[in-house]
Amino acid sequence: MKIGVPNQTAPKERRVAITPDVALRLVKQEFEVIVERGAGVAAGFLDKEFEAA
């Protein structure tokens, strides 16, 4: 199953659907996690953190 995480477009929105830790847990459960570039930046997560998951 694929799980997509879009970048938020609403003004002042800082939340992201999942964290890199949750992405890693999902990958270990054999889900395919696709995170849009910059999706976690406003919440303090860099793209490379999601890539490492």
N, C-alpha and C. Protein backbone atom coordinates (compact mmCIF):
# COMPACT_ATOMS: atom_id res chain seq x y z
N MET A 1 0.84 -1.16 0.00
CA MET A 1 0.00 0.00 0.00
C MET A 1 0.89 1.23 0.00
N LYS A 2 0.47 2.25 -0.73
CA LYS A 2 1.20 3.52 -0.78
C LYS A 2 0.52 4.54 0.11
N ILE A 3 1.34 5.31 0.83
CA ILE A 3 0.85 6.39 1.68
C ILE A 3 1.54 7.67 1.22
N GLY A 4 0.74 8.67 0.85
CA GLY A 4 1.28 9.94 0.37
C GLY A 4 1.12 11.03 1.42
N VAL A 5 2.15 11.85 1.55
CA VAL A 5 2.13 12.97 2.50
C VAL A 5 2.35 14.26 1.72
N PRO A 6 1.28 15.05 1.53
CA PRO A 6 1.42 16.28 0.75
C PRO A 6 1.98 17.43 1.58
N ASN A 7 2.54 18.38 0.88
CA ASN A 7 2.99 19.62 1.52
C ASN A 7 1.76 20.47 1.80
N GLN A 8 1.68 21.08 2.96
CA GLN A 8 0.53 21.91 3.32
C GLN A 8 0.58 23.22 2.55
N THR A 9 -0.58 23.68 2.10
CA THR A 9 -0.63 24.93 1.34
C THR A 9 -1.42 26.02 2.06
N ALA A 10 -2.06 25.68 3.17
CA ALA A 10 -2.85 26.66 3.91
C ALA A 10 -1.92 27.64 4.61
N PRO A 11 -2.27 28.92 4.60
CA PRO A 11 -1.43 29.92 5.29
C PRO A 11 -1.29 29.59 6.79
N LYS A 12 -0.10 29.77 7.29
CA LYS A 12 0.23 29.57 8.71
C LYS A 12 0.11 28.12 9.18
N GLU A 13 -0.06 27.17 8.28
CA GLU A 13 -0.16 25.76 8.66
C GLU A 13 1.23 25.21 8.93
N ARG A 14 1.44 24.65 10.11
CA ARG A 14 2.75 24.13 10.49
C ARG A 14 2.75 22.62 10.68
N ARG A 15 1.60 22.00 10.62
CA ARG A 15 1.51 20.55 10.87
C ARG A 15 1.91 19.75 9.63
N VAL A 16 2.34 18.54 9.89
CA VAL A 16 2.62 17.57 8.82
C VAL A 16 1.93 16.27 9.23
N ALA A 17 1.46 15.52 8.24
CA ALA A 17 0.65 14.33 8.51
C ALA A 17 1.39 13.27 9.31
N ILE A 18 2.69 13.08 9.04
CA ILE A 18 3.48 12.10 9.80
C ILE A 18 4.87 12.67 10.05
N THR A 19 5.54 12.10 11.03
CA THR A 19 6.92 12.48 11.33
C THR A 19 7.86 11.47 10.68
N PRO A 20 9.14 11.78 10.60
CA PRO A 20 10.09 10.80 10.06
C PRO A 20 10.07 9.48 10.84
N ASP A 21 9.88 9.53 12.15
CA ASP A 21 9.82 8.30 12.95
C ASP A 21 8.64 7.42 12.55
N VAL A 22 7.50 8.05 12.33
CA VAL A 22 6.31 7.31 11.91
C VAL A 22 6.51 6.76 10.50
N ALA A 23 7.13 7.54 9.63
CA ALA A 23 7.42 7.08 8.27
C ALA A 23 8.29 5.83 8.32
N LEU A 24 9.29 5.82 9.18
CA LEU A 24 10.16 4.66 9.31
C LEU A 24 9.38 3.44 9.79
N ARG A 25 8.51 3.61 10.76
CA ARG A 25 7.69 2.48 11.24
C ARG A 25 6.81 1.93 10.13
N LEU A 26 6.24 2.81 9.33
CA LEU A 26 5.39 2.36 8.22
C LEU A 26 6.20 1.60 7.17
N VAL A 27 7.39 2.10 6.86
CA VAL A 27 8.26 1.43 5.88
C VAL A 27 8.64 0.04 6.39
N LYS A 28 8.93 -0.08 7.69
CA LYS A 28 9.28 -1.38 8.27
C LYS A 28 8.11 -2.36 8.19
N GLN A 29 6.88 -1.81 8.13
CA GLN A 29 5.69 -2.65 7.99
C GLN A 29 5.35 -2.88 6.52
N GLU A 30 6.29 -2.52 5.64
CA GLU A 30 6.21 -2.73 4.20
C GLU A 30 5.22 -1.84 3.47
N PHE A 31 4.93 -0.65 4.04
CA PHE A 31 4.17 0.36 3.33
C PHE A 31 5.15 1.17 2.49
N GLU A 32 4.70 1.70 1.38
CA GLU A 32 5.50 2.63 0.60
C GLU A 32 5.05 4.04 0.99
N VAL A 33 5.97 4.83 1.54
CA VAL A 33 5.65 6.18 2.01
C VAL A 33 6.27 7.19 1.05
N ILE A 34 5.42 8.05 0.49
CA ILE A 34 5.87 9.07 -0.44
C ILE A 34 5.59 10.43 0.19
N VAL A 35 6.66 11.20 0.44
CA VAL A 35 6.53 12.50 1.10
C VAL A 35 6.89 13.59 0.09
N GLU A 36 5.98 14.52 -0.12
CA GLU A 36 6.24 15.63 -1.03
C GLU A 36 7.37 16.49 -0.49
N ARG A 37 8.23 16.94 -1.37
CA ARG A 37 9.37 17.77 -0.98
C ARG A 37 8.89 18.98 -0.17
N GLY A 38 9.51 19.20 0.99
CA GLY A 38 9.19 20.34 1.83
C GLY A 38 7.99 20.15 2.74
N ALA A 39 7.39 18.96 2.73
CA ALA A 39 6.16 18.73 3.51
C ALA A 39 6.36 18.93 5.02
N GLY A 40 7.53 18.64 5.53
CA GLY A 40 7.74 18.74 6.97
C GLY A 40 8.51 19.96 7.44
N VAL A 41 8.91 20.81 6.52
CA VAL A 41 9.78 21.94 6.86
C VAL A 41 9.14 22.86 7.90
N ALA A 42 7.89 23.23 7.72
CA ALA A 42 7.23 24.15 8.67
C ALA A 42 7.10 23.53 10.05
N ALA A 43 7.10 22.20 10.13
CA ALA A 43 7.01 21.51 11.41
C ALA A 43 8.39 21.19 11.98
N GLY A 44 9.44 21.59 11.27
CA GLY A 44 10.79 21.39 11.77
C GLY A 44 11.47 20.11 11.31
N PHE A 45 10.94 19.46 10.27
CA PHE A 45 11.53 18.23 9.74
C PHE A 45 12.09 18.49 8.35
N LEU A 46 13.33 18.11 8.14
CA LEU A 46 13.97 18.29 6.84
C LEU A 46 13.66 17.12 5.92
N ASP A 47 13.72 17.37 4.62
CA ASP A 47 13.48 16.31 3.64
C ASP A 47 14.41 15.12 3.87
N LYS A 48 15.67 15.41 4.22
CA LYS A 48 16.64 14.32 4.40
C LYS A 48 16.26 13.40 5.57
N GLU A 49 15.51 13.91 6.54
CA GLU A 49 15.06 13.06 7.65
C GLU A 49 14.03 12.05 7.16
N PHE A 50 13.16 12.48 6.26
CA PHE A 50 12.18 11.55 5.68
C PHE A 50 12.87 10.57 4.73
N GLU A 51 13.86 11.06 3.98
CA GLU A 51 14.59 10.19 3.06
C GLU A 51 15.33 9.09 3.82
N ALA A 52 15.84 9.40 5.00
CA ALA A 52 16.55 8.41 5.81
C ALA A 52 15.62 7.30 6.30
N ALA A 53 14.35 7.62 6.40
CA ALA A 53 13.37 6.62 6.86
C ALA A 53 13.15 5.62 5.75
